[in-house]
Amino acid sequence: MLPDSNSQGLKNLAKRYFIDELGLPPEAVSEASQNLIGAFEVLLKIDERIKKSHAPTTQPL
């Protein structure tokens, strides 16, 4: 886990990115960041399922 000062710095940097680069109004940053996190969580779950379905199975001797 990051120290609080680093964590807050990253949050501020991310907020500035949403506002400056994506053109979002400041009040939309919280919802946009939650949507982005949700999208990555879905991709992570999909990746885990794919890896699980392709995992080699061991056969008893």
C-alpha atoms as a PDB file:
ATOM      1  CA  MET A   1       0.000   0.000   0.000  1.00  0.00           C
ATOM      2  CA  LEU A   2       1.185   3.503  -0.736  1.00  0.00           C
ATOM      3  CA  PRO A   3       1.856   6.041   1.984  1.00  0.00           C
ATOM      4  CA  ASP A   4      -0.973   8.568   2.347  1.00  0.00           C
ATOM      5  CA  SER A   5       1.023  11.371   0.716  1.00  0.00           C
ATOM      6  CA  ASN A   6       1.779   9.241  -2.366  1.00  0.00           C
ATOM      7  CA  SER A   7      -1.790   7.961  -2.507  1.00  0.00           C
ATOM      8  CA  GLN A   8      -3.219  11.478  -2.350  1.00  0.00           C
ATOM      9  CA  GLY A   9      -0.744  12.634  -4.986  1.00  0.00           C
ATOM     10  CA  LEU A  10      -1.878   9.868  -7.330  1.00  0.00           C
ATOM     11  CA  LYS A  11      -5.517  10.733  -6.701  1.00  0.00           C
ATOM     12  CA  ASN A  12      -4.838  14.369  -7.539  1.00  0.00           C
ATOM     13  CA  LEU A  13      -2.939  13.397 -10.676  1.00  0.00           C
ATOM     14  CA  ALA A  14      -5.780  11.126 -11.796  1.00  0.00           C
ATOM     15  CA  LYS A  15      -8.326  13.875 -11.130  1.00  0.00           C
ATOM     16  CA  ARG A  16      -6.269  16.338 -13.162  1.00  0.00           C
ATOM     17  CA  TYR A  17      -6.101  13.806 -16.005  1.00  0.00           C
ATOM     18  CA  PHE A  18      -9.882  13.352 -16.047  1.00  0.00           C
ATOM     19  CA  ILE A  19     -10.409  17.105 -16.074  1.00  0.00           C
ATOM     20  CA  ASP A  20      -7.574  18.307 -18.326  1.00  0.00           C
ATOM     21  CA  GLU A  21      -7.170  15.456 -20.797  1.00  0.00           C
ATOM     22  CA  LEU A  22     -10.667  14.029 -20.973  1.00  0.00           C
ATOM     23  CA  GLY A  23     -12.481  17.313 -20.524  1.00  0.00           C
ATOM     24  CA  LEU A  24     -14.741  16.108 -17.719  1.00  0.00           C
ATOM     25  CA  PRO A  25     -16.234  18.615 -15.318  1.00  0.00           C
ATOM     26  CA  PRO A  26     -14.836  18.256 -11.779  1.00  0.00           C
ATOM     27  CA  GLU A  27     -18.178  17.015 -10.426  1.00  0.00           C
ATOM     28  CA  ALA A  28     -18.106  14.060 -12.860  1.00  0.00           C
ATOM     29  CA  VAL A  29     -14.656  12.797 -11.854  1.00  0.00           C
ATOM     30  CA  SER A  30     -15.838  10.581  -9.001  1.00  0.00           C
ATOM     31  CA  GLU A  31     -18.415   8.756 -11.116  1.00  0.00           C
ATOM     32  CA  ALA A  32     -16.024   8.430 -14.055  1.00  0.00           C
ATOM     33  CA  SER A  33     -13.305   6.936 -11.893  1.00  0.00           C
ATOM     34  CA  GLN A  34     -15.743   4.432 -10.372  1.00  0.00           C
ATOM     35  CA  ASN A  35     -16.924   3.431 -13.855  1.00  0.00           C
ATOM     36  CA  LEU A  36     -13.329   2.952 -14.966  1.00  0.00           C
ATOM     37  CA  ILE A  37     -12.530   0.817 -11.931  1.00  0.00           C
ATOM     38  CA  GLY A  38     -15.657  -1.242 -12.589  1.00  0.00           C
ATOM     39  CA  ALA A  39     -14.641  -1.822 -16.190  1.00  0.00           C
ATOM     40  CA  PHE A  40     -11.210  -3.070 -15.137  1.00  0.00           C
ATOM     41  CA  GLU A  41     -12.756  -5.341 -12.493  1.00  0.00           C
ATOM     42  CA  VAL A  42     -14.904  -6.953 -15.195  1.00  0.00           C
ATOM     43  CA  LEU A  43     -11.858  -7.422 -17.427  1.00  0.00           C
ATOM     44  CA  LEU A  44      -9.957  -8.985 -14.524  1.00  0.00           C
ATOM     45  CA  LYS A  45     -12.806 -11.445 -13.876  1.00  0.00           C
ATOM     46  CA  ILE A  46     -12.928 -12.375 -17.557  1.00  0.00           C
ATOM     47  CA  ASP A  47      -9.169 -12.928 -17.587  1.00  0.00           C
ATOM     48  CA  GLU A  48      -9.369 -15.123 -14.478  1.00  0.00           C
ATOM     49  CA  ARG A  49     -12.126 -17.248 -16.024  1.00  0.00           C
ATOM     50  CA  ILE A  50     -10.174 -17.670 -19.249  1.00  0.00           C
ATOM     51  CA  LYS A  51      -7.048 -18.698 -17.377  1.00  0.00           C
ATOM     52  CA  LYS A  52      -9.048 -21.092 -15.198  1.00  0.00           C
ATOM     53  CA  SER A  53     -10.706 -22.729 -18.210  1.00  0.00           C
ATOM     54  CA  HIS A  54      -7.333 -23.190 -19.918  1.00  0.00           C
ATOM     55  CA  ALA A  55      -5.531 -24.490 -16.839  1.00  0.00           C
ATOM     56  CA  PRO A  56      -4.027 -27.921 -17.377  1.00  0.00           C
ATOM     57  CA  THR A  57      -5.795 -30.630 -15.450  1.00  0.00           C
ATOM     58  CA  THR A  58      -3.809 -33.304 -13.719  1.00  0.00           C
ATOM     59  CA  GLN A  59      -4.802 -36.899 -14.049  1.00  0.00           C
ATOM     60  CA  PRO A  60      -4.344 -39.377 -11.210  1.00  0.00           C
ATOM     61  CA  LEU A  61      -1.679 -42.024 -11.775  1.00  0.00           C
END
